[in-house]
Amino acid sequence: MARANDNRAPDVLVLDRPERQTLPVVVSSPHSGRRYGGAFMAASRLDRLAIRRSEDAFVDELIRGVKGLGASSVHALFPRAYLDVNREPYELDPAMFDAPLPRWVNSRSPRVKAGLGTIPRVVAGGAEIYRGKLPPSEAERRIGRCYAPYHDVLVDLVRSTRATFGAVCLIDCHSMPSTGADGGRQKADAVIGDRFGASCDRSIATTAAEALRDHGLAVRRNDPYPGGFITEHYGRPDQAAHAVQLELNRGLYMNERTMRRAAGMTAARTALEAAVLAIADAVLAVAAPASAAE
């Protein structure tokens, strides 16, 4: 796959590096992109507000300050409804395409069956995105143009950060609706996902949850979001590479009906930055015994 860096793929992603990285964390926002191109909208049956139902609106703005803390970040400019990098590269629904897909495509995952594969069929809530079928070449084009550069950046950031500090934690930032199906319970303010302890040292997820609670947020672990492909794929605690998924309740900082910022933006940003700093300290604490043993 083509490599991406600070000067490449400027219409696909934003890579924000501090002059000197001082924290052993990488922050990612894969679903906050809001560049809905004319061709994509022409192919969609949804209007410009309905198409945004899957978008983690403004999460890119919530993570903007981590550069000043000493961490690197990356966020997508393309929308999740167009292509979802928090999936395997080829989780595709054959019914969406006007010709057969290669046999090795993963067409049977639960995400594909829900219409939420690498090329989503529906937005959150279940509304169909497309008027007609797509050619398989369109999937290849989007994966090559958007998916590959985003993951190349993540790979580079995770490797370089681990090399510098001896360990790294990838913090994958998302947002969740304030209402909806959640076992009939009140939505939490934040959910920390660590694949039930598989993607990071448990002390890192615990520290993140404590930092958010210190800012008055109600926090759950892995319920109902244990982490997606990014958390699972990059979380390798046995290789000093940790990953957590951080979900924030959209009601904290935006009007979900109008998709506009609300007064809580500053407070949400402050809480998120506190979690980033706490995670960084926890990563260094986990790395220190390993370094001493060597």
Protein backbone atom coordinates (compact mmCIF):
# COMPACT_ATOMS: atom_id res chain seq x y z
CA MET A 1 0.00 0.00 0.00
CA ALA A 2 1.16 3.53 -0.71
CA ARG A 3 2.74 5.20 2.28
CA ALA A 4 1.35 8.44 3.67
CA ASN A 5 3.06 11.11 5.74
CA ASP A 6 2.58 14.72 6.77
CA ASN A 7 2.61 15.95 3.17
CA ARG A 8 0.63 13.22 1.44
CA ALA A 9 -3.08 12.51 1.06
CA PRO A 10 -4.07 16.04 2.14
CA ASP A 11 -7.60 15.50 0.82
CA VAL A 12 -7.96 12.19 2.71
CA LEU A 13 -6.64 12.73 6.23
CA VAL A 14 -4.96 15.16 8.58
CA LEU A 15 -1.84 14.05 10.43
CA ASP A 16 -0.98 16.39 13.28
CA ARG A 17 2.42 15.93 14.94
CA PRO A 18 3.91 18.01 17.72
CA GLU A 19 7.36 19.44 17.14
CA ARG A 20 8.57 16.95 19.76
CA GLN A 21 6.40 14.06 20.83
CA THR A 22 6.49 13.72 24.61
CA LEU A 23 3.60 11.32 25.20
CA PRO A 24 3.58 7.59 24.31
CA VAL A 25 0.14 7.79 22.75
CA VAL A 26 -1.39 8.13 19.28
CA VAL A 27 -4.89 9.57 18.95
CA SER A 28 -7.15 8.61 16.04
CA SER A 29 -10.57 9.83 14.86
CA PRO A 30 -11.59 7.63 11.91
CA HIS A 31 -15.26 8.64 11.70
CA SER A 32 -15.33 12.45 12.00
CA GLY A 33 -14.78 13.20 8.30
CA ARG A 34 -17.43 15.40 6.72
CA ARG A 35 -16.34 15.93 3.11
CA TYR A 36 -19.37 14.60 1.26
CA GLY A 37 -18.43 14.95 -2.39
CA GLY A 38 -20.88 15.76 -5.16
CA ALA A 39 -20.57 12.37 -6.89
CA PHE A 40 -21.17 10.52 -3.62
CA MET A 41 -24.23 12.62 -2.80
CA ALA A 42 -25.58 12.16 -6.32
CA ALA A 43 -25.38 8.38 -5.85
CA SER A 44 -27.08 8.58 -2.45
CA ARG A 45 -30.80 8.64 -1.75
CA LEU A 46 -30.20 10.58 1.50
CA ASP A 47 -30.05 14.35 2.02
CA ARG A 48 -27.07 16.14 3.52
CA LEU A 49 -28.38 15.88 7.08
CA ALA A 50 -29.55 12.26 6.97
CA ILE A 51 -26.25 11.07 5.45
CA ARG A 52 -24.44 12.34 8.55
CA ARG A 53 -26.15 9.95 10.97
CA SER A 54 -23.07 7.70 11.05
CA GLU A 55 -20.65 10.59 11.50
CA ASP A 56 -18.70 11.18 14.71
CA ALA A 57 -19.28 14.88 14.27
CA PHE A 58 -16.68 17.22 15.79
CA VAL A 59 -14.55 14.49 17.36
CA ASP A 60 -11.71 15.82 15.19
CA GLU A 61 -12.13 19.13 17.02
CA LEU A 62 -12.23 17.44 20.43
CA ILE A 63 -8.82 15.83 19.79
CA ARG A 64 -7.22 18.90 18.26
CA GLY A 65 -5.53 19.92 21.51
CA VAL A 66 -3.57 16.70 21.97
CA LYS A 67 -0.80 18.09 19.78
CA GLY A 68 -0.19 20.75 22.42
CA LEU A 69 0.02 18.01 25.05
CA GLY A 70 2.80 16.28 23.09
CA ALA A 71 0.85 13.58 21.24
CA SER A 72 0.40 12.83 17.55
CA SER A 73 -3.07 12.49 16.05
CA VAL A 74 -4.73 11.58 12.78
CA HIS A 75 -8.30 12.07 11.60
CA ALA A 76 -10.11 11.18 8.41
CA LEU A 77 -11.57 13.81 6.10
CA PHE A 78 -13.77 11.36 4.17
CA PRO A 79 -17.02 10.36 5.89
CA ARG A 80 -17.73 6.99 7.43
CA ALA A 81 -20.75 6.59 5.13
CA TYR A 82 -18.31 6.67 2.19
CA LEU A 83 -15.71 4.29 3.63
CA ASP A 84 -15.14 2.91 7.12
CA VAL A 85 -11.51 2.39 8.13
CA ASN A 86 -12.63 0.78 11.40
CA ARG A 87 -13.27 -2.42 9.44
CA GLU A 88 -11.16 -5.04 7.71
CA PRO A 89 -10.09 -3.70 4.30
CA TYR A 90 -12.51 -5.96 2.41
CA GLU A 91 -15.64 -6.45 4.52
CA LEU A 92 -18.02 -6.03 1.61
CA ASP A 93 -21.65 -6.88 0.89
CA PRO A 94 -21.96 -8.56 -2.55
CA ALA A 95 -25.57 -7.35 -2.83
CA MET A 96 -24.31 -3.76 -3.09
CA PHE A 97 -22.39 -4.39 -6.31
CA ASP A 98 -23.36 -4.89 -9.93
CA ALA A 99 -20.81 -7.64 -10.57
CA PRO A 100 -19.31 -10.51 -8.54
CA LEU A 101 -16.68 -9.72 -5.91
CA PRO A 102 -13.52 -11.82 -5.43
CA ARG A 103 -14.17 -14.99 -3.42
CA TRP A 104 -11.70 -13.96 -0.72
CA VAL A 105 -13.76 -10.90 0.27
CA ASN A 106 -15.19 -11.16 3.78
CA SER A 107 -18.91 -11.01 3.00
CA ARG A 108 -20.19 -12.89 6.06
CA SER A 109 -19.10 -10.77 9.01
CA PRO A 110 -21.80 -9.51 11.42
CA ARG A 111 -20.90 -5.96 10.36
CA VAL A 112 -21.56 -6.72 6.69
CA LYS A 113 -24.84 -8.40 7.57
CA ALA A 114 -25.84 -5.23 9.47
CA GLY A 115 -25.04 -3.12 6.41
CA LEU A 116 -21.99 -1.57 8.07
CA GLY A 117 -19.04 -3.02 6.18
CA THR A 118 -16.01 -1.25 4.74
CA ILE A 119 -18.33 0.31 2.17
CA PRO A 120 -21.48 0.78 4.28
CA ARG A 121 -24.90 0.01 2.83
CA VAL A 122 -26.78 1.97 5.51
CA VAL A 123 -26.16 4.83 7.90
CA ALA A 124 -26.74 4.52 11.65
CA GLY A 125 -30.44 3.91 12.12
CA GLY A 126 -30.73 1.72 9.06
CA ALA A 127 -31.49 4.16 6.22
CA GLU A 128 -30.18 2.87 2.88
CA ILE A 129 -27.42 5.04 1.40
CA TYR A 130 -27.43 4.26 -2.33
CA ARG A 131 -29.93 4.63 -5.15
CA GLY A 132 -28.40 1.77 -7.13
CA LYS A 133 -25.57 -0.74 -7.18
CA LEU A 134 -21.86 0.09 -7.31
CA PRO A 135 -19.19 -1.42 -9.58
CA PRO A 136 -16.59 -3.51 -7.71
CA SER A 137 -13.92 -1.13 -9.06
CA GLU A 138 -15.43 1.61 -6.90
CA ALA A 139 -14.70 -0.41 -3.75
CA GLU A 140 -11.11 -0.94 -4.89
CA ARG A 141 -10.75 2.77 -5.63
CA ARG A 142 -11.99 3.87 -2.22
CA ILE A 143 -9.92 1.30 -0.37
CA GLY A 144 -6.77 2.31 -2.23
CA ARG A 145 -7.38 6.03 -1.98
CA CYS A 146 -8.69 6.30 1.61
CA TYR A 147 -8.29 3.07 3.58
CA ALA A 148 -4.67 2.34 2.72
CA PRO A 149 -3.27 5.82 3.52
CA TYR A 150 -5.14 6.00 6.83
CA HIS A 151 -3.78 2.68 8.06
CA ASP A 152 -0.30 3.43 6.72
CA VAL A 153 -0.27 6.50 8.96
CA LEU A 154 -1.48 4.51 11.97
CA VAL A 155 1.19 1.87 11.42
CA ASP A 156 3.91 4.52 11.15
CA LEU A 157 2.75 6.40 14.24
CA VAL A 158 2.38 3.30 16.39
CA ARG A 159 5.79 1.95 15.37
CA SER A 160 7.66 5.22 15.80
CA THR A 161 6.00 5.99 19.15
CA ARG A 162 6.76 2.54 20.51
CA ALA A 163 10.35 2.84 19.32
CA THR A 164 10.72 6.17 21.13
CA PHE A 165 9.06 5.29 24.44
CA GLY A 166 9.28 1.51 24.63
CA ALA A 167 5.48 1.24 24.55
CA VAL A 168 2.51 2.94 22.92
CA CYS A 169 -1.24 3.24 23.29
CA LEU A 170 -3.46 3.99 20.32
CA ILE A 171 -6.56 5.88 21.51
CA ASP A 172 -9.31 5.46 18.92
CA CYS A 173 -11.88 8.21 19.52
CA HIS A 174 -15.56 7.92 18.61
CA SER A 175 -18.96 9.28 19.59
CA MET A 176 -22.24 7.58 20.41
CA PRO A 177 -25.87 8.71 20.25
CA SER A 178 -27.30 9.97 23.52
CA THR A 179 -30.43 7.86 23.06
CA GLY A 180 -31.24 4.52 21.47
CA ALA A 181 -30.99 0.84 22.15
CA ASP A 182 -28.73 0.23 25.13
CA GLY A 183 -30.43 -2.53 27.06
CA GLY A 184 -33.13 -0.11 28.17
CA ARG A 185 -30.69 1.79 30.36
CA GLN A 186 -29.59 5.38 30.43
CA LYS A 187 -26.68 5.99 28.09
CA ALA A 188 -23.30 6.46 29.75
CA ASP A 189 -21.32 9.63 29.14
CA ALA A 190 -18.33 7.61 27.97
CA VAL A 191 -17.43 4.02 27.17
CA ILE A 192 -13.88 2.67 27.30
CA GLY A 193 -13.41 -0.36 25.06
CA ASP A 194 -10.41 -2.65 25.44
CA ARG A 195 -11.80 -5.83 23.85
CA PHE A 196 -12.45 -7.11 27.38
CA GLY A 197 -8.80 -6.78 28.33
CA ALA A 198 -7.37 -8.21 25.10
CA SER A 199 -6.21 -4.96 23.46
CA CYS A 200 -4.39 -3.28 26.34
CA ASP A 201 -3.10 -3.72 29.85
CA ARG A 202 -6.13 -3.46 32.14
CA SER A 203 -4.48 -0.71 34.18
CA ILE A 204 -4.54 1.57 31.12
CA ALA A 205 -8.29 1.22 30.60
CA THR A 206 -8.89 1.59 34.34
CA THR A 207 -6.82 4.77 34.47
CA ALA A 208 -8.70 6.23 31.49
CA ALA A 209 -12.05 5.51 33.13
CA GLU A 210 -10.93 7.09 36.40
CA ALA A 211 -9.76 10.25 34.63
CA LEU A 212 -13.13 10.64 32.91
CA ARG A 213 -15.01 10.02 36.16
CA ASP A 214 -12.90 12.70 37.82
CA HIS A 215 -14.45 15.09 35.29
CA GLY A 216 -17.94 14.07 36.33
CA LEU A 217 -18.67 11.60 33.53
CA ALA A 218 -20.52 8.33 33.94
CA VAL A 219 -18.25 5.68 32.41
CA ARG A 220 -18.72 2.07 31.35
CA ARG A 221 -16.18 -0.49 30.20
CA ASN A 222 -16.82 -2.46 26.98
CA ASP A 223 -20.58 -1.95 27.30
CA PRO A 224 -21.94 -1.69 24.67
CA TYR A 225 -18.78 -0.86 22.67
CA PRO A 226 -15.79 -3.15 23.30
CA GLY A 227 -13.81 -1.74 20.36
CA GLY A 228 -13.78 -2.27 16.62
CA PHE A 229 -11.24 -3.38 14.05
CA ILE A 230 -8.71 -0.66 14.88
CA THR A 231 -8.66 -1.51 18.59
CA GLU A 232 -8.46 -5.22 17.89
CA HIS A 233 -5.88 -4.96 15.10
CA TYR A 234 -3.44 -2.56 16.76
CA GLY A 235 -3.82 -3.73 20.34
CA ARG A 236 -0.92 -6.10 20.98
CA PRO A 237 -0.11 -5.79 24.70
CA ASP A 238 2.45 -8.60 24.50
CA GLN A 239 4.34 -6.43 21.98
CA ALA A 240 4.06 -3.22 24.07
CA ALA A 241 1.37 -1.90 21.71
CA HIS A 242 -1.87 -1.10 23.53
CA ALA A 243 -5.14 0.17 22.09
CA VAL A 244 -8.35 1.51 23.59
CA GLN A 245 -11.55 2.79 22.04
CA LEU A 246 -13.02 5.90 23.64
CA GLU A 247 -16.70 6.68 22.97
CA LEU A 248 -18.16 10.00 24.11
CA ASN A 249 -21.89 10.69 24.36
CA ARG A 250 -22.79 13.23 21.67
CA GLY A 251 -25.30 14.86 23.97
CA LEU A 252 -22.37 16.20 26.00
CA TYR A 253 -21.20 18.60 23.31
CA MET A 254 -23.57 18.83 20.33
CA ASN A 255 -27.17 19.08 19.18
CA GLU A 256 -27.74 15.71 17.55
CA ARG A 257 -30.83 16.79 15.63
CA THR A 258 -29.26 19.81 13.93
CA MET A 259 -25.65 18.48 13.94
CA ARG A 260 -24.38 21.69 15.52
CA ARG A 261 -21.86 22.29 18.27
CA ALA A 262 -23.22 22.96 21.76
CA ALA A 263 -21.90 24.66 24.87
CA GLY A 264 -20.32 21.46 26.17
CA MET A 265 -17.54 21.35 23.57
CA THR A 266 -14.95 22.84 25.91
CA ALA A 267 -15.80 20.56 28.83
CA ALA A 268 -15.77 17.47 26.60
CA ARG A 269 -12.41 18.47 25.14
CA THR A 270 -10.97 19.00 28.62
CA ALA A 271 -12.18 15.59 29.81
CA LEU A 272 -10.78 13.86 26.73
CA GLU A 273 -7.40 15.55 27.17
CA ALA A 274 -7.32 14.48 30.81
CA ALA A 275 -7.91 10.90 29.71
CA VAL A 276 -5.09 11.16 27.15
CA LEU A 277 -2.66 12.38 29.81
CA ALA A 278 -3.75 9.67 32.25
CA ILE A 279 -3.36 6.97 29.61
CA ALA A 280 0.12 8.27 28.77
CA ASP A 281 1.16 7.97 32.43
CA ALA A 282 -0.28 4.46 32.62
CA VAL A 283 1.56 3.37 29.48
CA LEU A 284 4.87 4.57 30.90
CA ALA A 285 4.14 2.79 34.19
CA VAL A 286 3.44 -0.47 32.34
CA ALA A 287 6.56 -0.04 30.20
CA ALA A 288 8.86 0.70 33.15
CA PRO A 289 8.88 -2.80 34.70
CA ALA A 290 9.52 -4.35 31.29
CA SER A 291 12.45 -2.00 30.72
CA ALA A 292 13.87 -2.76 34.16
CA ALA A 293 13.63 -6.51 33.47
CA GLU A 294 15.70 -6.10 30.32
